[in-house]
Amino acid sequence: MPNPSIERMPNRQCRSVTAHVKVSEVVPVFAQVLLDAAERPDLFIWNGAIQERALRAWLLAHDLPLPDDLVLWLAATGGGDLFECETILGPYGSVRLGDDLAGANEFMRDRGLPPELVAFHRGACVSAVNRASGEYVTLVQPDWSLLARFTSLESWYRGTLRCEYAGRYGLSGPAG
């Protein structure tokens, strides 16, 4: 059930956000994922856009600080599923499936996720943001060992999901 404290933008639940977000407005924040979603919309199932101001208030209320580039991506998409088996956690994510940002973080904390990390992605690995540094990290469960570090959402996407799936799904441009 969607969180009533966040307003959804009307009629925005769609597979591709590129009709609503111009790549030129977000370059280089998360441009590559939008280009990939435009090329293969069947691989990107978004939860639906969220008003940015309401999203920021919700994140603050739930003590889930995120860098601006990730906040903008969540505002544009609401999170969702990518490449069939990867999930970007969002406030409107399915509680039943564990795709909601607050619930998934609580669940992972109960299993040892360090408190300085805020998880935003789960799939082949778990990806999180370091609260203090704003750095993006990928981790392996169950011991939360570090796989890689990234300085931005764009570099995280290119170095993880795009690197893994671009060739498999025929996305144009370099894989990573």
N, C-alpha and C. Protein backbone atom coordinates (compact mmCIF):
# COMPACT_ATOMS: atom_id res chain seq x y z
N MET A 1 0.85 -1.18 0.00
CA MET A 1 0.00 0.00 0.00
C MET A 1 0.89 1.24 0.00
N PRO A 2 0.64 2.18 -0.89
CA PRO A 2 1.48 3.38 -0.96
C PRO A 2 1.43 4.17 0.33
N ASN A 3 2.51 4.86 0.61
CA ASN A 3 2.59 5.70 1.79
C ASN A 3 1.78 6.96 1.54
N PRO A 4 0.75 7.23 2.35
CA PRO A 4 -0.10 8.40 2.11
C PRO A 4 0.60 9.73 2.34
N SER A 5 1.78 9.72 2.97
CA SER A 5 2.47 10.98 3.23
C SER A 5 3.24 11.47 2.01
N ILE A 6 3.24 10.70 0.94
CA ILE A 6 3.93 11.11 -0.28
C ILE A 6 2.91 11.23 -1.39
N GLU A 7 2.93 12.37 -2.07
CA GLU A 7 2.01 12.57 -3.18
C GLU A 7 2.64 12.02 -4.46
N ARG A 8 1.89 11.21 -5.15
CA ARG A 8 2.32 10.76 -6.47
C ARG A 8 1.94 11.82 -7.49
N MET A 9 2.75 11.95 -8.50
CA MET A 9 2.39 12.85 -9.58
C MET A 9 1.34 12.12 -10.43
N PRO A 10 0.26 12.78 -10.78
CA PRO A 10 -0.84 12.11 -11.48
C PRO A 10 -0.40 11.54 -12.83
N ASN A 11 -0.91 10.35 -13.11
CA ASN A 11 -0.69 9.68 -14.40
C ASN A 11 0.77 9.54 -14.77
N ARG A 12 1.63 9.33 -13.80
CA ARG A 12 3.05 9.26 -14.11
C ARG A 12 3.60 7.84 -13.99
N GLN A 13 2.77 6.87 -13.60
CA GLN A 13 3.28 5.51 -13.48
C GLN A 13 3.40 4.94 -14.88
N CYS A 14 4.62 4.78 -15.32
CA CYS A 14 4.85 4.29 -16.66
C CYS A 14 6.18 3.57 -16.71
N ARG A 15 6.41 2.88 -17.76
CA ARG A 15 7.66 2.13 -17.88
C ARG A 15 8.83 3.04 -18.19
N SER A 16 8.63 4.10 -18.88
CA SER A 16 9.73 4.96 -19.27
C SER A 16 9.52 6.36 -18.75
N VAL A 17 10.49 6.88 -18.04
CA VAL A 17 10.37 8.24 -17.54
C VAL A 17 10.91 9.24 -18.55
N THR A 18 11.45 8.78 -19.65
CA THR A 18 12.06 9.70 -20.59
C THR A 18 11.04 10.62 -21.23
N ALA A 19 9.77 10.24 -21.22
CA ALA A 19 8.75 11.14 -21.75
C ALA A 19 8.53 12.32 -20.82
N HIS A 20 8.92 12.18 -19.56
CA HIS A 20 8.66 13.21 -18.56
C HIS A 20 9.93 13.92 -18.10
N VAL A 21 11.07 13.32 -18.31
CA VAL A 21 12.34 13.88 -17.86
C VAL A 21 13.25 14.00 -19.07
N LYS A 22 13.72 15.20 -19.33
CA LYS A 22 14.63 15.40 -20.45
C LYS A 22 16.04 15.05 -20.00
N VAL A 23 16.72 14.25 -20.81
CA VAL A 23 18.08 13.84 -20.47
C VAL A 23 18.96 15.06 -20.27
N SER A 24 18.75 16.12 -21.04
CA SER A 24 19.58 17.32 -20.91
C SER A 24 19.42 17.98 -19.55
N GLU A 25 18.28 17.74 -18.86
CA GLU A 25 18.06 18.33 -17.54
C GLU A 25 18.83 17.61 -16.44
N VAL A 26 19.27 16.40 -16.69
CA VAL A 26 19.90 15.61 -15.64
C VAL A 26 21.33 15.20 -15.95
N VAL A 27 21.85 15.53 -17.12
CA VAL A 27 23.21 15.17 -17.47
C VAL A 27 24.17 15.87 -16.53
N PRO A 28 25.13 15.19 -15.94
CA PRO A 28 25.39 13.76 -16.02
C PRO A 28 24.83 12.99 -14.84
N VAL A 29 23.87 13.54 -14.11
CA VAL A 29 23.41 12.96 -12.85
C VAL A 29 23.03 11.49 -13.00
N PHE A 30 22.09 11.18 -13.88
CA PHE A 30 21.74 9.78 -14.13
C PHE A 30 21.28 9.62 -15.58
N ALA A 31 21.99 10.27 -16.48
CA ALA A 31 21.62 10.28 -17.89
C ALA A 31 21.66 8.90 -18.51
N GLN A 32 22.67 8.09 -18.20
CA GLN A 32 22.81 6.80 -18.87
C GLN A 32 21.63 5.87 -18.61
N VAL A 33 21.13 5.84 -17.39
CA VAL A 33 20.00 4.98 -17.10
C VAL A 33 18.76 5.44 -17.87
N LEU A 34 18.59 6.74 -18.06
CA LEU A 34 17.45 7.23 -18.85
C LEU A 34 17.60 6.88 -20.32
N LEU A 35 18.82 6.98 -20.83
CA LEU A 35 19.07 6.58 -22.22
C LEU A 35 18.79 5.08 -22.41
N ASP A 36 19.24 4.28 -21.45
CA ASP A 36 19.00 2.84 -21.53
C ASP A 36 17.51 2.53 -21.43
N ALA A 37 16.79 3.24 -20.55
CA ALA A 37 15.35 3.02 -20.40
C ALA A 37 14.60 3.42 -21.67
N ALA A 38 15.08 4.46 -22.36
CA ALA A 38 14.45 4.86 -23.62
C ALA A 38 14.70 3.81 -24.71
N GLU A 39 15.89 3.25 -24.70
CA GLU A 39 16.26 2.23 -25.70
C GLU A 39 15.54 0.91 -25.46
N ARG A 40 15.41 0.51 -24.19
CA ARG A 40 14.80 -0.78 -23.85
C ARG A 40 13.80 -0.60 -22.70
N PRO A 41 12.66 0.05 -22.94
CA PRO A 41 11.70 0.30 -21.87
C PRO A 41 11.16 -0.98 -21.23
N ASP A 42 11.25 -2.09 -21.94
CA ASP A 42 10.78 -3.35 -21.38
C ASP A 42 11.63 -3.83 -20.20
N LEU A 43 12.80 -3.27 -20.04
CA LEU A 43 13.72 -3.67 -18.97
C LEU A 43 13.64 -2.78 -17.73
N PHE A 44 12.83 -1.73 -17.78
CA PHE A 44 12.76 -0.74 -16.71
C PHE A 44 11.30 -0.53 -16.31
N ILE A 45 10.92 -1.06 -15.17
CA ILE A 45 9.55 -0.93 -14.68
C ILE A 45 9.58 -0.03 -13.44
N TRP A 46 9.20 1.22 -13.62
CA TRP A 46 9.29 2.20 -12.53
C TRP A 46 8.03 2.19 -11.69
N ASN A 47 8.16 2.59 -10.43
CA ASN A 47 7.02 2.69 -9.53
C ASN A 47 6.17 3.92 -9.79
N GLY A 48 6.74 4.96 -10.35
CA GLY A 48 6.01 6.19 -10.63
C GLY A 48 6.65 7.38 -9.93
N ALA A 49 6.64 8.51 -10.59
CA ALA A 49 7.28 9.72 -10.08
C ALA A 49 6.67 10.18 -8.76
N ILE A 50 7.49 10.88 -7.99
CA ILE A 50 7.11 11.40 -6.68
C ILE A 50 7.49 12.88 -6.65
N GLN A 51 6.66 13.71 -6.05
CA GLN A 51 7.01 15.12 -5.89
C GLN A 51 8.31 15.20 -5.09
N GLU A 52 9.29 15.92 -5.60
CA GLU A 52 10.60 15.99 -4.95
C GLU A 52 10.52 16.52 -3.52
N ARG A 53 9.76 17.57 -3.29
CA ARG A 53 9.67 18.15 -1.95
C ARG A 53 9.08 17.15 -0.96
N ALA A 54 8.03 16.43 -1.37
CA ALA A 54 7.42 15.42 -0.51
C ALA A 54 8.38 14.26 -0.26
N LEU A 55 9.14 13.88 -1.28
CA LEU A 55 10.13 12.81 -1.14
C LEU A 55 11.20 13.20 -0.13
N ARG A 56 11.71 14.43 -0.25
CA ARG A 56 12.75 14.88 0.69
C ARG A 56 12.21 14.91 2.13
N ALA A 57 10.98 15.32 2.31
CA ALA A 57 10.38 15.34 3.65
C ALA A 57 10.23 13.91 4.18
N TRP A 58 9.82 12.99 3.32
CA TRP A 58 9.67 11.59 3.73
C TRP A 58 11.03 11.00 4.11
N LEU A 59 12.06 11.26 3.32
CA LEU A 59 13.40 10.75 3.61
C LEU A 59 13.90 11.29 4.95
N LEU A 60 13.66 12.57 5.21
CA LEU A 60 14.06 13.19 6.47
C LEU A 60 13.32 12.55 7.65
N ALA A 61 12.02 12.36 7.50
CA ALA A 61 11.20 11.77 8.55
C ALA A 61 11.61 10.34 8.87
N HIS A 62 12.14 9.64 7.88
CA HIS A 62 12.55 8.24 8.06
C HIS A 62 14.06 8.09 8.29
N ASP A 63 14.75 9.22 8.47
CA ASP A 63 16.20 9.21 8.70
C ASP A 63 16.93 8.40 7.63
N LEU A 64 16.60 8.68 6.38
CA LEU A 64 17.23 8.01 5.25
C LEU A 64 17.88 9.06 4.34
N PRO A 65 18.99 9.66 4.79
CA PRO A 65 19.63 10.70 3.99
C PRO A 65 20.24 10.11 2.71
N LEU A 66 19.96 10.75 1.60
CA LEU A 66 20.48 10.30 0.31
C LEU A 66 21.08 11.48 -0.44
N PRO A 67 22.09 11.24 -1.28
CA PRO A 67 22.66 12.32 -2.09
C PRO A 67 21.63 12.86 -3.08
N ASP A 68 21.83 14.09 -3.50
CA ASP A 68 20.89 14.75 -4.42
C ASP A 68 20.66 13.97 -5.71
N ASP A 69 21.71 13.36 -6.28
CA ASP A 69 21.50 12.65 -7.55
C ASP A 69 20.55 11.48 -7.37
N LEU A 70 20.63 10.78 -6.24
CA LEU A 70 19.73 9.66 -5.98
C LEU A 70 18.31 10.16 -5.66
N VAL A 71 18.22 11.26 -4.93
CA VAL A 71 16.90 11.84 -4.65
C VAL A 71 16.20 12.23 -5.95
N LEU A 72 16.93 12.85 -6.86
CA LEU A 72 16.34 13.24 -8.14
C LEU A 72 15.90 12.03 -8.95
N TRP A 73 16.69 10.96 -8.91
CA TRP A 73 16.33 9.73 -9.63
C TRP A 73 15.07 9.12 -9.02
N LEU A 74 15.01 9.06 -7.69
CA LEU A 74 13.82 8.53 -7.05
C LEU A 74 12.60 9.41 -7.31
N ALA A 75 12.79 10.73 -7.33
CA ALA A 75 11.66 11.62 -7.64
C ALA A 75 11.15 11.37 -9.06
N ALA A 76 12.06 11.13 -10.00
CA ALA A 76 11.67 10.91 -11.39
C ALA A 76 11.05 9.54 -11.62
N THR A 77 11.48 8.54 -10.85
CA THR A 77 11.06 7.16 -11.13
C THR A 77 10.27 6.49 -10.01
N GLY A 78 10.52 6.89 -8.78
CA GLY A 78 9.94 6.20 -7.63
C GLY A 78 10.63 4.90 -7.30
N GLY A 79 11.75 4.61 -8.00
CA GLY A 79 12.40 3.32 -7.86
C GLY A 79 11.67 2.32 -8.75
N GLY A 80 12.05 1.06 -8.65
CA GLY A 80 11.39 0.04 -9.45
C GLY A 80 12.35 -1.08 -9.82
N ASP A 81 11.96 -1.84 -10.82
CA ASP A 81 12.73 -3.01 -11.24
C ASP A 81 13.43 -2.76 -12.56
N LEU A 82 14.68 -3.22 -12.63
CA LEU A 82 15.51 -3.07 -13.81
C LEU A 82 16.08 -4.43 -14.18
N PHE A 83 16.21 -4.68 -15.46
CA PHE A 83 16.88 -5.89 -15.94
C PHE A 83 16.31 -7.16 -15.31
N GLU A 84 15.05 -7.18 -15.05
CA GLU A 84 14.31 -8.34 -14.56
C GLU A 84 14.59 -8.75 -13.13
N CYS A 85 15.80 -8.50 -12.60
CA CYS A 85 16.11 -9.04 -11.28
C CYS A 85 16.80 -8.04 -10.35
N GLU A 86 16.85 -6.79 -10.72
CA GLU A 86 17.47 -5.74 -9.90
C GLU A 86 16.38 -4.78 -9.45
N THR A 87 16.43 -4.34 -8.21
CA THR A 87 15.40 -3.46 -7.67
C THR A 87 16.02 -2.21 -7.07
N ILE A 88 15.51 -1.05 -7.48
CA ILE A 88 15.84 0.21 -6.84
C ILE A 88 14.74 0.44 -5.80
N LEU A 89 15.14 0.44 -4.54
CA LEU A 89 14.18 0.59 -3.45
C LEU A 89 13.57 1.99 -3.47
N GLY A 90 12.29 2.09 -3.23
CA GLY A 90 11.64 3.39 -3.21
C GLY A 90 10.54 3.45 -2.16
N PRO A 91 10.10 4.65 -1.81
CA PRO A 91 9.03 4.79 -0.82
C PRO A 91 7.76 4.05 -1.20
N TYR A 92 7.48 3.91 -2.51
CA TYR A 92 6.29 3.20 -2.97
C TYR A 92 6.58 1.75 -3.33
N GLY A 93 7.79 1.28 -3.05
CA GLY A 93 8.10 -0.11 -3.34
C GLY A 93 7.18 -1.04 -2.56
N SER A 94 7.03 -2.24 -3.06
CA SER A 94 6.16 -3.23 -2.44
C SER A 94 6.69 -3.65 -1.08
N VAL A 95 5.89 -3.44 -0.05
CA VAL A 95 6.26 -3.88 1.30
C VAL A 95 6.29 -5.41 1.32
N ARG A 96 5.33 -6.03 0.67
CA ARG A 96 5.24 -7.49 0.63
C ARG A 96 6.49 -8.10 0.01
N LEU A 97 7.04 -7.47 -1.02
CA LEU A 97 8.23 -7.99 -1.69
C LEU A 97 9.54 -7.47 -1.08
N GLY A 98 9.42 -6.55 -0.12
CA GLY A 98 10.63 -5.99 0.50
C GLY A 98 11.31 -4.95 -0.37
N ASP A 99 10.55 -4.31 -1.25
CA ASP A 99 11.11 -3.32 -2.17
C ASP A 99 10.94 -1.89 -1.68
N ASP A 100 10.37 -1.72 -0.49
CA ASP A 100 10.19 -0.37 0.05
C ASP A 100 11.46 0.07 0.76
N LEU A 101 11.83 1.30 0.57
CA LEU A 101 13.10 1.84 1.06
C LEU A 101 13.22 1.74 2.58
N ALA A 102 12.21 2.15 3.31
CA ALA A 102 12.30 2.13 4.78
C ALA A 102 12.30 0.70 5.31
N GLY A 103 11.38 -0.12 4.84
CA GLY A 103 11.27 -1.49 5.32
C GLY A 103 12.48 -2.34 4.98
N ALA A 104 12.99 -2.18 3.77
CA ALA A 104 14.17 -2.95 3.36
C ALA A 104 15.38 -2.57 4.20
N ASN A 105 15.54 -1.28 4.49
CA ASN A 105 16.67 -0.86 5.33
C ASN A 105 16.53 -1.40 6.75
N GLU A 106 15.33 -1.37 7.28
CA GLU A 106 15.11 -1.93 8.62
C GLU A 106 15.43 -3.43 8.63
N PHE A 107 14.96 -4.14 7.63
CA PHE A 107 15.21 -5.58 7.52
C PHE A 107 16.72 -5.87 7.43
N MET A 108 17.41 -5.10 6.59
CA MET A 108 18.86 -5.32 6.43
C MET A 108 19.63 -4.93 7.69
N ARG A 109 19.21 -3.88 8.37
CA ARG A 109 19.87 -3.50 9.62
C ARG A 109 19.74 -4.61 10.67
N ASP A 110 18.57 -5.23 10.70
CA ASP A 110 18.36 -6.35 11.63
C ASP A 110 19.29 -7.52 11.31
N ARG A 111 19.82 -7.53 10.09
CA ARG A 111 20.73 -8.59 9.65
C ARG A 111 22.17 -8.11 9.53
N GLY A 112 22.47 -6.95 10.12
CA GLY A 112 23.85 -6.51 10.23
C GLY A 112 24.31 -5.41 9.30
N LEU A 113 23.42 -4.84 8.49
CA LEU A 113 23.84 -3.71 7.65
C LEU A 113 24.33 -2.60 8.57
N PRO A 114 25.56 -2.13 8.36
CA PRO A 114 26.09 -1.08 9.23
C PRO A 114 25.20 0.17 9.24
N PRO A 115 25.04 0.80 10.39
CA PRO A 115 24.12 1.94 10.51
C PRO A 115 24.53 3.16 9.67
N GLU A 116 25.80 3.24 9.28
CA GLU A 116 26.23 4.38 8.46
C GLU A 116 25.84 4.23 6.99
N LEU A 117 25.22 3.10 6.63
CA LEU A 117 24.82 2.86 5.24
C LEU A 117 23.31 2.89 5.08
N VAL A 118 22.86 3.45 3.94
CA VAL A 118 21.45 3.43 3.56
C VAL A 118 21.36 2.66 2.25
N ALA A 119 20.77 1.49 2.31
CA ALA A 119 20.62 0.66 1.11
C ALA A 119 19.58 1.27 0.18
N PHE A 120 19.87 1.25 -1.14
CA PHE A 120 18.91 1.76 -2.12
C PHE A 120 18.69 0.77 -3.25
N HIS A 121 19.45 -0.31 -3.30
CA HIS A 121 19.36 -1.28 -4.39
C HIS A 121 19.60 -2.67 -3.84
N ARG A 122 18.84 -3.62 -4.39
CA ARG A 122 19.12 -5.02 -4.09
C ARG A 122 18.92 -5.83 -5.36
N GLY A 123 19.69 -6.87 -5.46
CA GLY A 123 19.65 -7.74 -6.62
C GLY A 123 20.81 -8.71 -6.51
N ALA A 124 21.69 -8.72 -7.50
CA ALA A 124 22.87 -9.57 -7.44
C ALA A 124 23.75 -9.21 -6.25
N CYS A 125 23.70 -7.96 -5.86
CA CYS A 125 24.39 -7.47 -4.67
C CYS A 125 23.47 -6.44 -4.02
N VAL A 126 23.93 -5.85 -2.94
CA VAL A 126 23.21 -4.75 -2.31
C VAL A 126 24.05 -3.50 -2.52
N SER A 127 23.40 -2.41 -2.88
CA SER A 127 24.09 -1.13 -3.03
C SER A 127 23.54 -0.16 -2.00
N ALA A 128 24.44 0.67 -1.48
CA ALA A 128 24.06 1.60 -0.41
C ALA A 128 24.84 2.90 -0.56
N VAL A 129 24.40 3.88 0.19
CA VAL A 129 25.08 5.17 0.27
C VAL A 129 25.63 5.30 1.68
N ASN A 130 26.87 5.75 1.78
CA ASN A 130 27.47 6.02 3.08
C ASN A 130 26.94 7.37 3.55
N ARG A 131 26.30 7.40 4.72
CA ARG A 131 25.68 8.62 5.25
C ARG A 131 26.69 9.76 5.40
N ALA A 132 27.89 9.46 5.85
CA ALA A 132 28.88 10.50 6.12
C ALA A 132 29.54 11.03 4.86
N SER A 133 29.95 10.14 3.98
CA SER A 133 30.74 10.55 2.82
C SER A 133 29.90 10.78 1.56
N GLY A 134 28.70 10.21 1.51
CA GLY A 134 27.88 10.29 0.30
C GLY A 134 28.35 9.33 -0.78
N GLU A 135 29.33 8.51 -0.45
CA GLU A 135 29.90 7.55 -1.39
C GLU A 135 28.92 6.39 -1.62
N TYR A 136 28.86 5.92 -2.86
CA TYR A 136 28.05 4.76 -3.22
C TYR A 136 28.91 3.52 -3.07
N VAL A 137 28.35 2.46 -2.48
CA VAL A 137 29.10 1.22 -2.29
C VAL A 137 28.23 0.03 -2.70
N THR A 138 28.89 -1.03 -3.14
CA THR A 138 28.20 -2.30 -3.36
C THR A 138 28.74 -3.30 -2.35
N LEU A 139 27.83 -4.13 -1.86
CA LEU A 139 28.13 -5.03 -0.76
C LEU A 139 27.63 -6.44 -1.07
N VAL A 140 28.24 -7.41 -0.41
CA VAL A 140 27.81 -8.80 -0.53
C VAL A 140 27.25 -9.24 0.82
N GLN A 141 26.10 -9.87 0.80
CA GLN A 141 25.52 -10.44 2.01
C GLN A 141 26.11 -11.84 2.19
N PRO A 142 26.16 -12.43 3.32
CA PRO A 142 25.56 -11.98 4.55
C PRO A 142 26.48 -11.13 5.42
N ASP A 143 27.75 -10.99 5.03
CA ASP A 143 28.68 -10.27 5.92
C ASP A 143 28.86 -8.80 5.55
N TRP A 144 28.16 -8.33 4.52
CA TRP A 144 28.19 -6.94 4.09
C TRP A 144 29.60 -6.50 3.67
N SER A 145 30.36 -7.43 3.10
CA SER A 145 31.71 -7.08 2.67
C SER A 145 31.64 -6.18 1.44
N LEU A 146 32.60 -5.28 1.36
CA LEU A 146 32.64 -4.27 0.31
C LEU A 146 33.13 -4.87 -1.01
N LEU A 147 32.37 -4.63 -2.07
CA LEU A 147 32.77 -5.04 -3.42
C LEU A 147 33.42 -3.88 -4.17
N ALA A 148 32.78 -2.71 -4.10
CA ALA A 148 33.28 -1.56 -4.87
C ALA A 148 32.75 -0.26 -4.27
N ARG A 149 33.43 0.84 -4.62
CA ARG A 149 33.04 2.19 -4.21
C ARG A 149 32.88 3.06 -5.46
N PHE A 150 31.95 4.00 -5.39
CA PHE A 150 31.68 4.90 -6.50
C PHE A 150 31.41 6.30 -5.95
N THR A 151 31.75 7.32 -6.73
CA THR A 151 31.59 8.69 -6.28
C THR A 151 30.24 9.31 -6.64
N SER A 152 29.51 8.67 -7.55
CA SER A 152 28.23 9.24 -7.99
C SER A 152 27.28 8.13 -8.40
N LEU A 153 26.01 8.48 -8.52
CA LEU A 153 25.00 7.54 -8.98
C LEU A 153 25.33 7.08 -10.40
N GLU A 154 25.72 8.01 -11.24
CA GLU A 154 26.05 7.66 -12.63
C GLU A 154 27.21 6.67 -12.68
N SER A 155 28.27 6.90 -11.91
CA SER A 155 29.40 5.97 -11.93
C SER A 155 28.99 4.63 -11.31
N TRP A 156 28.12 4.64 -10.30
CA TRP A 156 27.61 3.38 -9.74
C TRP A 156 26.85 2.60 -10.81
N TYR A 157 25.92 3.24 -11.50
CA TYR A 157 25.11 2.56 -12.52
C TYR A 157 26.00 1.98 -13.62
N ARG A 158 26.92 2.79 -14.12
CA ARG A 158 27.81 2.33 -15.19
C ARG A 158 28.72 1.19 -14.72
N GLY A 159 29.17 1.26 -13.47
CA GLY A 159 30.12 0.27 -12.97
C GLY A 159 29.49 -0.99 -12.41
N THR A 160 28.18 -1.00 -12.24
CA THR A 160 27.52 -2.18 -11.70
C THR A 160 26.50 -2.73 -12.69
N LEU A 161 25.31 -2.18 -12.69
CA LEU A 161 24.22 -2.73 -13.49
C LEU A 161 24.49 -2.68 -14.99
N ARG A 162 24.94 -1.52 -15.48
CA ARG A 162 25.18 -1.41 -16.92
C ARG A 162 26.33 -2.32 -17.35
N CYS A 163 27.35 -2.39 -16.55
CA CYS A 163 28.49 -3.26 -16.85
C CYS A 163 28.03 -4.72 -16.97
N GLU A 164 27.14 -5.12 -16.10
CA GLU A 164 26.65 -6.50 -16.07
C GLU A 164 25.67 -6.80 -17.19
N TYR A 165 24.77 -5.86 -17.50
CA TYR A 165 23.63 -6.17 -18.36
C TYR A 165 23.65 -5.55 -19.76
N ALA A 166 24.48 -4.58 -20.04
CA ALA A 166 24.44 -3.91 -21.35
C ALA A 166 24.64 -4.88 -22.50
N GLY A 167 25.65 -5.71 -22.42
CA GLY A 167 25.91 -6.68 -23.48
C GLY A 167 24.80 -7.72 -23.60
N ARG A 168 24.33 -8.20 -22.47
CA ARG A 168 23.30 -9.23 -22.45
C ARG A 168 22.01 -8.75 -23.12
N TYR A 169 21.66 -7.48 -22.92
CA TYR A 169 20.42 -6.95 -23.45
C TYR A 169 20.61 -6.05 -24.67
N GLY A 170 21.80 -6.00 -25.21
CA GLY A 170 22.04 -5.27 -26.45
C GLY A 170 21.92 -3.76 -26.34
N LEU A 171 22.27 -3.19 -25.19
CA LEU A 171 22.22 -1.73 -25.05
C LEU A 171 23.37 -1.11 -25.82
N SER A 172 23.11 -0.01 -26.48
CA SER A 172 24.15 0.63 -27.29
C SER A 172 25.16 1.36 -26.40
N GLY A 173 26.32 1.60 -26.95
CA GLY A 173 27.38 2.30 -26.21
C GLY A 173 28.21 1.34 -25.40
N PRO A 174 29.26 1.85 -24.76
CA PRO A 174 30.13 0.99 -23.97
C PRO A 174 29.39 0.42 -22.75
N ALA A 175 29.78 -0.77 -22.35
CA ALA A 175 29.09 -1.47 -21.26
C ALA A 175 29.24 -0.77 -19.93
N GLY A 176 30.41 -0.21 -19.65
CA GLY A 176 30.58 0.35 -18.32
C GLY A 176 31.18 1.68 -18.28
